[in-house]
N, C-alpha and C. Protein backbone atom coordinates (compact mmCIF):
# COMPACT_ATOMS: atom_id res chain seq x y z
N UNK A 1 185.98 85.54 181.96
CA UNK A 1 186.93 85.03 180.64
C UNK A 1 188.10 84.96 180.84
N UNK A 2 189.38 84.90 179.89
CA UNK A 2 190.78 85.72 180.28
C UNK A 2 190.69 86.98 179.44
N UNK A 3 191.42 87.37 180.37
CA UNK A 3 191.45 88.91 179.12
C UNK A 3 191.60 88.98 178.14
N UNK A 4 192.96 88.88 177.86
CA UNK A 4 192.38 88.19 175.39
C UNK A 4 191.26 87.70 174.71
N UNK A 5 190.97 86.92 175.21
CA UNK A 5 190.00 85.67 174.61
C UNK A 5 189.02 86.57 174.10
N UNK A 6 188.78 85.84 172.80
CA UNK A 6 187.98 86.94 171.38
C UNK A 6 187.08 85.94 170.39
N UNK A 7 186.01 86.31 170.92
CA UNK A 7 184.60 85.39 170.20
C UNK A 7 184.26 86.21 169.26
N UNK A 8 184.17 85.34 168.07
CA UNK A 8 183.68 85.99 166.84
C UNK A 8 181.94 85.71 167.04
N UNK A 9 181.16 86.22 166.09
CA UNK A 9 179.76 85.80 165.62
C UNK A 9 179.69 86.34 164.13
N UNK A 10 179.07 85.43 163.62
CA UNK A 10 178.56 85.25 162.63
C UNK A 10 177.48 85.01 162.90
N UNK A 11 176.66 86.12 162.12
CA UNK A 11 175.09 86.05 161.68
C UNK A 11 174.07 86.45 160.55
N UNK A 12 173.05 85.87 160.45
CA UNK A 12 172.09 85.92 159.12
C UNK A 12 171.54 86.76 158.79
N UNK A 13 171.88 87.51 158.17
CA UNK A 13 171.05 88.88 157.25
C UNK A 13 169.58 87.85 157.13
N UNK A 14 168.79 86.79 156.73
CA UNK A 14 167.73 86.92 156.52
C UNK A 14 167.05 85.78 157.56
N UNK A 15 165.91 86.90 157.94
CA UNK A 15 165.27 86.73 158.96
C UNK A 15 165.22 87.54 160.39
N UNK A 16 166.57 88.53 159.63
CA UNK A 16 167.09 89.28 160.81
C UNK A 16 166.14 90.07 161.85
N UNK A 17 164.88 90.11 161.72
CA UNK A 17 163.92 90.46 162.77
C UNK A 17 164.65 89.20 163.96
N UNK A 18 164.46 88.09 163.60
CA UNK A 18 164.57 87.09 164.47
C UNK A 18 166.80 86.92 165.12
N UNK A 19 167.06 87.08 164.13
CA UNK A 19 169.00 87.44 164.00
C UNK A 19 169.08 88.43 165.76
N UNK A 20 168.38 89.59 165.18
CA UNK A 20 169.12 90.76 166.12
C UNK A 20 168.98 90.61 167.24
N UNK A 21 167.41 89.85 167.74
CA UNK A 21 167.50 89.63 168.61
C UNK A 21 168.35 88.41 169.49
N UNK A 22 168.29 87.37 169.00
CA UNK A 22 169.10 86.92 169.15
C UNK A 22 170.84 86.93 169.64
N UNK A 23 171.10 87.93 168.26
CA UNK A 23 173.07 88.63 168.75
C UNK A 23 172.63 89.88 169.74
N UNK A 24 171.78 90.47 170.09
CA UNK A 24 171.75 91.29 171.04
C UNK A 24 171.62 90.39 172.43
N UNK A 25 171.15 89.07 172.86
CA UNK A 25 171.03 88.59 174.07
C UNK A 25 172.40 88.23 173.96
N UNK A 26 173.07 87.36 172.89
CA UNK A 26 174.76 87.04 173.10
C UNK A 26 175.31 87.69 173.77
N UNK A 27 175.24 89.20 172.95
CA UNK A 27 175.88 89.54 173.19
C UNK A 27 176.18 90.40 174.73
N UNK A 28 175.02 90.82 174.85
CA UNK A 28 174.56 90.67 176.31
C UNK A 28 175.37 90.16 177.20
N UNK A 29 175.05 88.82 177.18
CA UNK A 29 175.43 87.55 178.22
C UNK A 29 177.44 87.43 177.90
N UNK A 30 177.78 87.81 176.68
CA UNK A 30 179.35 87.74 176.61
C UNK A 30 179.60 88.95 177.66
N UNK A 31 179.21 90.08 177.30
CA UNK A 31 179.76 91.53 178.22
C UNK A 31 179.23 90.86 179.83
N UNK A 32 178.32 89.82 180.36
CA UNK A 32 177.76 89.59 181.30
C UNK A 32 179.50 88.59 182.15
N UNK A 33 179.45 87.72 180.89
CA UNK A 33 181.12 86.68 181.04
C UNK A 33 181.94 87.36 181.08
N UNK A 34 182.09 88.52 181.57
CA UNK A 34 183.33 89.29 181.37
C UNK A 34 184.20 90.05 180.48
N UNK A 35 183.69 89.09 178.72
CA UNK A 35 184.21 90.13 177.92
C UNK A 35 183.82 91.45 177.82
N UNK A 36 184.96 92.32 177.07
CA UNK A 36 184.99 93.56 176.36
C UNK A 36 183.90 93.70 174.93
N UNK A 37 184.13 94.89 174.91
CA UNK A 37 183.69 95.04 173.06
C UNK A 37 184.25 94.54 171.85
N UNK A 38 185.74 95.30 172.48
CA UNK A 38 186.74 94.83 172.04
C UNK A 38 187.19 93.54 171.42
N UNK A 39 186.81 92.66 172.69
CA UNK A 39 187.03 90.86 172.35
C UNK A 39 185.74 90.43 171.27
N UNK A 40 184.83 91.04 170.81
CA UNK A 40 183.79 90.34 170.65
C UNK A 40 183.64 90.94 168.93
N UNK A 41 183.35 90.10 167.95
CA UNK A 41 183.70 90.89 166.68
C UNK A 41 182.14 89.90 165.92
N UNK A 42 181.50 91.29 165.29
CA UNK A 42 180.25 90.20 164.83
C UNK A 42 180.30 90.53 162.62
N UNK A 43 180.60 89.51 162.25
CA UNK A 43 180.61 89.52 160.93
C UNK A 43 178.81 89.33 160.60
N UNK A 44 178.45 89.85 159.48
CA UNK A 44 176.91 89.88 158.52
C UNK A 44 177.04 88.41 157.63
N UNK A 45 176.24 87.47 157.46
CA UNK A 45 176.60 87.12 155.83
C UNK A 45 174.59 86.99 155.33
N UNK A 46 175.00 86.86 154.23
CA UNK A 46 173.05 86.89 153.53
C UNK A 46 172.24 85.93 154.00
N UNK A 47 172.74 84.28 154.65
CA UNK A 47 171.96 83.87 155.03
C UNK A 47 172.57 82.76 155.99
N UNK A 48 171.74 81.52 156.26
CA UNK A 48 172.26 80.25 156.87
C UNK A 48 173.28 79.62 156.15
N UNK A 49 173.13 79.45 154.70
CA UNK A 49 173.80 78.20 154.20
C UNK A 49 175.23 79.45 153.73
N UNK A 50 175.47 80.39 153.70
CA UNK A 50 176.56 81.45 153.80
C UNK A 50 177.57 81.32 155.57
N UNK A 51 177.18 80.92 156.59
CA UNK A 51 177.51 81.11 157.75
C UNK A 51 178.62 79.88 157.57
N UNK A 52 178.47 78.99 157.56
CA UNK A 52 180.19 78.00 157.58
C UNK A 52 181.14 78.74 157.29
N UNK A 53 180.78 78.83 156.02
CA UNK A 53 182.43 79.10 155.38
C UNK A 53 182.69 80.67 156.43
N UNK A 54 181.77 81.00 156.18
CA UNK A 54 183.07 82.69 157.58
C UNK A 54 182.82 81.88 158.53
N UNK A 55 181.97 81.48 159.30
CA UNK A 55 182.57 80.75 160.54
C UNK A 55 184.31 80.10 160.63
N UNK A 56 184.07 79.43 158.99
CA UNK A 56 185.40 78.50 159.37
C UNK A 56 186.85 79.59 159.25
N UNK A 57 186.51 80.12 158.37
CA UNK A 57 187.72 81.23 158.32
C UNK A 57 187.98 82.26 159.64
N UNK A 58 186.94 82.39 160.23
CA UNK A 58 187.68 83.12 161.68
C UNK A 58 188.11 82.32 162.41
N UNK A 59 187.12 81.00 162.53
CA UNK A 59 188.12 80.20 163.42
C UNK A 59 189.23 79.64 162.96
N UNK A 60 189.77 79.99 161.93
CA UNK A 60 191.27 79.57 161.47
C UNK A 60 192.03 80.89 162.52
N UNK A 61 191.87 81.92 162.64
CA UNK A 61 192.23 82.61 163.11
C UNK A 61 192.70 82.55 164.63
N UNK A 62 193.96 82.81 164.41
CA UNK A 62 194.49 82.48 165.90
C UNK A 62 194.46 83.70 167.11
N UNK A 63 193.54 84.43 166.08
CA UNK A 63 193.33 85.12 167.83
C UNK A 63 191.82 85.11 167.92
N UNK A 64 191.12 84.44 167.69
CA UNK A 64 189.93 83.72 167.88
C UNK A 64 189.63 82.90 168.63
N UNK A 65 189.07 82.75 170.09
CA UNK A 65 188.81 81.28 170.66
C UNK A 65 187.36 80.80 170.22
N UNK A 66 186.53 81.22 169.55
CA UNK A 66 185.34 80.63 169.60
C UNK A 66 184.49 81.40 168.64
N UNK A 67 183.72 80.56 167.88
CA UNK A 67 182.79 81.11 166.85
C UNK A 67 181.12 81.04 167.40
N UNK A 68 180.70 81.71 167.33
CA UNK A 68 179.14 81.82 167.36
C UNK A 68 178.13 81.83 166.07
N UNK A 69 177.39 81.22 165.94
CA UNK A 69 176.81 81.75 164.56
C UNK A 69 174.87 81.57 165.05
N UNK A 70 174.67 82.65 164.99
CA UNK A 70 173.50 82.76 164.50
C UNK A 70 172.48 83.11 163.80
N UNK A 71 171.05 82.87 163.66
CA UNK A 71 170.13 82.95 162.31
C UNK A 71 168.71 82.25 163.25
N UNK A 72 168.60 82.33 162.04
CA UNK A 72 166.83 81.53 161.97
C UNK A 72 166.32 81.03 160.84
N UNK A 73 166.17 80.05 160.59
CA UNK A 73 165.31 79.01 159.37
C UNK A 73 163.81 78.81 160.11
N UNK A 74 163.18 79.15 158.86
CA UNK A 74 161.72 79.22 159.01
C UNK A 74 161.16 78.27 158.05
N UNK A 75 160.18 76.94 158.17
CA UNK A 75 159.80 76.59 157.29
C UNK A 75 159.01 77.35 156.31
N UNK A 76 159.24 76.65 155.07
CA UNK A 76 157.91 77.22 154.15
C UNK A 76 157.34 75.75 153.60
N UNK A 77 157.67 76.46 152.40
CA UNK A 77 156.28 75.58 151.75
C UNK A 77 157.08 74.42 151.05
N UNK A 78 158.06 74.01 150.69
CA UNK A 78 158.81 73.69 150.37
C UNK A 78 160.26 72.84 150.82
N UNK A 79 160.67 72.04 150.43
CA UNK A 79 162.11 71.39 150.83
C UNK A 79 163.68 72.14 151.18
N UNK A 80 163.32 73.30 150.60
CA UNK A 80 164.25 74.25 150.60
C UNK A 80 165.00 74.34 152.38
N UNK A 81 163.49 74.05 153.37
CA UNK A 81 163.87 74.52 154.73
C UNK A 81 164.92 73.28 155.08
N UNK A 82 164.75 72.30 154.55
CA UNK A 82 165.16 70.83 155.40
C UNK A 82 166.79 70.86 154.78
N UNK A 83 167.11 71.31 153.42
CA UNK A 83 168.19 71.66 152.85
C UNK A 83 168.91 72.58 153.68
N UNK A 84 168.57 73.73 153.93
CA UNK A 84 169.45 74.94 155.04
C UNK A 84 169.44 74.18 156.02
N UNK A 85 168.65 73.76 156.56
CA UNK A 85 168.33 74.05 157.81
C UNK A 85 169.57 72.47 158.42
N UNK A 86 169.71 71.46 157.76
CA UNK A 86 170.41 70.09 157.30
C UNK A 86 172.11 70.67 157.20
N UNK A 87 172.07 71.61 155.98
CA UNK A 87 173.49 71.62 155.52
C UNK A 87 174.41 72.81 156.48
N UNK A 88 173.49 73.29 156.80
CA UNK A 88 174.02 74.82 157.36
C UNK A 88 174.57 74.14 158.63
N UNK A 89 173.96 73.15 159.59
CA UNK A 89 173.79 72.81 160.86
C UNK A 89 175.46 71.79 160.29
N UNK A 90 175.33 70.88 159.43
CA UNK A 90 176.64 70.26 159.36
C UNK A 90 177.92 70.81 158.68
N UNK A 91 177.62 72.05 158.25
CA UNK A 91 179.09 72.89 157.94
C UNK A 91 179.41 73.87 159.55
N UNK A 92 178.66 73.96 160.19
CA UNK A 92 179.15 74.51 161.17
C UNK A 92 179.76 73.52 162.19
N UNK A 93 179.10 72.25 162.34
CA UNK A 93 179.65 71.08 162.91
C UNK A 93 181.05 71.13 162.28
N UNK A 94 181.50 70.85 161.35
CA UNK A 94 182.52 70.87 160.48
C UNK A 94 183.59 71.73 160.26
N UNK A 95 183.00 73.21 160.64
CA UNK A 95 183.99 74.57 160.76
C UNK A 95 184.46 73.65 162.12
N UNK A 96 183.89 73.40 163.20
CA UNK A 96 184.19 73.18 164.73
C UNK A 96 185.54 72.23 164.21
N UNK A 97 185.24 70.75 164.11
CA UNK A 97 186.04 69.88 163.60
C UNK A 97 187.20 69.94 163.27
N UNK A 98 186.87 71.24 162.10
CA UNK A 98 188.63 71.05 161.11
C UNK A 98 189.32 72.24 161.81
N UNK A 99 188.97 72.62 162.74
CA UNK A 99 189.77 74.01 163.59
C UNK A 99 190.28 73.41 165.15
N UNK A 100 189.59 72.51 165.49
CA UNK A 100 189.26 71.89 166.78
C UNK A 100 188.82 73.10 168.22
N UNK A 101 188.30 74.06 167.10
CA UNK A 101 187.56 75.49 168.40
C UNK A 101 186.21 75.18 168.62
N UNK A 102 185.65 75.80 169.25
CA UNK A 102 184.48 75.47 169.33
C UNK A 102 183.64 76.74 168.25
N UNK A 103 182.28 75.86 167.28
CA UNK A 103 181.69 76.39 166.13
C UNK A 103 180.58 76.30 166.97
N UNK A 104 179.91 77.59 167.24
CA UNK A 104 178.42 76.85 168.56
C UNK A 104 176.78 77.22 167.13
N UNK A 105 176.11 76.68 167.81
CA UNK A 105 175.20 76.36 166.69
C UNK A 105 173.89 77.02 167.65
N UNK A 106 173.94 78.13 167.27
CA UNK A 106 172.66 79.21 167.74
C UNK A 106 172.00 80.05 166.62
N UNK A 107 171.38 78.66 165.51
CA UNK A 107 171.08 78.81 164.22
C UNK A 107 169.38 78.60 164.75
N UNK A 108 168.28 79.01 164.65
CA UNK A 108 166.88 78.40 165.36
C UNK A 108 166.76 77.80 163.90
N UNK A 109 166.12 76.77 164.24
CA UNK A 109 165.08 76.11 162.71
C UNK A 109 163.73 76.04 163.73
N UNK A 110 163.11 77.03 162.56
CA UNK A 110 161.32 76.27 163.23
C UNK A 110 160.22 76.47 162.55
N UNK A 111 159.46 76.00 162.67
CA UNK A 111 158.39 76.03 161.88
C UNK A 111 157.60 77.27 161.67
N UNK A 112 157.45 77.81 162.38
CA UNK A 112 156.94 79.01 162.19
C UNK A 112 157.34 80.38 163.05
N UNK A 113 157.05 81.32 162.75
CA UNK A 113 157.57 82.39 163.25
C UNK A 113 157.66 82.64 163.98
N UNK A 114 156.17 82.29 164.86
CA UNK A 114 155.93 82.60 166.36
C UNK A 114 157.05 81.52 167.07
N UNK A 115 157.17 80.02 166.81
CA UNK A 115 157.95 79.41 167.36
C UNK A 115 159.80 80.36 167.53
N UNK A 116 160.34 80.52 166.29
CA UNK A 116 160.82 81.54 166.45
C UNK A 116 161.36 82.74 167.49
N UNK A 117 160.30 83.48 166.88
CA UNK A 117 160.33 84.50 168.16
C UNK A 117 160.38 84.33 169.38
N UNK A 118 159.38 83.12 170.06
CA UNK A 118 159.57 82.49 171.49
C UNK A 118 160.92 82.24 172.33
N UNK A 119 161.60 82.04 171.01
CA UNK A 119 163.14 81.39 171.11
C UNK A 119 164.18 82.58 170.95
N UNK A 120 163.36 83.62 170.87
CA UNK A 120 164.41 84.72 171.13
C UNK A 120 164.18 85.78 171.65
N UNK A 121 163.44 85.83 173.00
CA UNK A 121 162.74 86.87 173.80
C UNK A 121 163.63 88.01 174.56
N UNK A 122 163.75 88.87 174.03
CA UNK A 122 164.03 90.21 174.69
C UNK A 122 163.50 89.99 176.71
N UNK A 123 164.61 91.18 177.57
CA UNK A 123 164.24 91.00 178.80
C UNK A 123 163.92 89.25 179.85
N UNK A 124 165.22 88.71 179.58
CA UNK A 124 164.79 87.57 180.23
C UNK A 124 164.06 86.07 179.65
N UNK A 125 163.44 86.61 179.04
CA UNK A 125 162.85 85.54 178.44
C UNK A 125 163.91 84.75 177.59
N UNK A 126 163.42 83.17 177.25
CA UNK A 126 164.08 82.58 176.22
C UNK A 126 164.68 82.75 175.28
N UNK A 127 166.05 82.97 175.31
CA UNK A 127 166.42 83.53 174.04
C UNK A 127 167.92 82.58 173.69
N UNK A 128 167.85 82.20 172.56
CA UNK A 128 169.26 80.89 172.15
C UNK A 128 170.17 81.37 171.80
N UNK A 129 170.35 83.27 171.87
CA UNK A 129 171.74 83.99 171.81
C UNK A 129 171.99 83.59 172.98
N UNK A 130 171.63 83.93 174.22
CA UNK A 130 171.86 84.38 175.28
C UNK A 130 172.66 82.69 175.58
N UNK A 131 172.09 81.57 175.24
CA UNK A 131 172.42 79.81 175.60
C UNK A 131 173.75 79.66 175.35
N UNK A 132 173.82 80.39 173.63
CA UNK A 132 174.73 80.24 172.34
C UNK A 132 176.25 80.73 172.99
N UNK A 133 176.16 81.63 173.79
CA UNK A 133 176.96 82.45 174.56
C UNK A 133 177.87 81.47 175.38
N UNK A 134 176.25 81.08 176.36
CA UNK A 134 177.33 80.56 177.65
C UNK A 134 177.82 78.80 176.93
N UNK A 135 177.66 78.67 176.49
CA UNK A 135 178.15 77.27 175.10
C UNK A 135 179.83 77.83 174.37
N UNK A 136 179.90 79.52 174.42
CA UNK A 136 181.26 79.55 173.62
C UNK A 136 182.19 79.29 174.90
N UNK A 137 181.21 80.23 176.13
CA UNK A 137 182.49 81.13 176.87
C UNK A 137 182.60 79.21 177.92
N UNK A 138 181.77 78.29 177.93
CA UNK A 138 181.77 76.93 178.66
C UNK A 138 182.85 76.21 177.86
N UNK A 139 182.73 76.17 176.56
CA UNK A 139 183.53 75.24 176.28
C UNK A 139 185.26 76.12 176.09
N UNK A 140 185.11 77.35 176.20
CA UNK A 140 186.67 77.90 175.95
C UNK A 140 187.43 77.50 177.53
N UNK A 141 186.75 77.33 178.09
CA UNK A 141 187.65 76.95 179.35
C UNK A 141 187.44 75.63 179.15
N UNK A 142 186.71 74.83 178.71
CA UNK A 142 186.44 73.39 178.45
C UNK A 142 188.14 72.75 177.66
N UNK A 143 188.36 73.73 176.52
CA UNK A 143 189.32 73.07 175.63
C UNK A 143 190.78 73.99 176.40
N UNK A 144 190.83 74.76 177.41
CA UNK A 144 191.62 75.12 177.37
C UNK A 144 192.37 74.35 178.95
N UNK A 145 191.39 74.14 179.82
CA UNK A 145 191.23 72.77 180.60
C UNK A 145 191.77 71.08 179.99
N UNK A 146 192.00 70.84 178.89
CA UNK A 146 191.66 69.78 178.68
C UNK A 146 193.06 69.76 177.79
């Protein structure tokens, strides 16, 4: 990745035991792709519902090339899950379309904690944070070409 490229990460505090695993893998992958520590900015928001406004604000910055959104929404007993999952995803997509910059959806939506943990493994197992980092790097490269 170009030397001055910058990636911002918006991470949700809610279910942070999952988000931290996603964030760790995401940052490791960004560094593996050639980014330095000072090219990666992380901000924490209370929950998934707050991710879109932070992502939009960061994506509007001239020195940010992409934003990665990380978190975990786990189904409970009420309709709240659907609202947060759907509106969080919609807001993330709208931030990308409004700015013309990649705003990557790395928020897990799972029925159980176990499902979320299986998608946020350390030590080389499946991790959607790593996948989100790869998507961000790929999209930054693609948008520079077209």
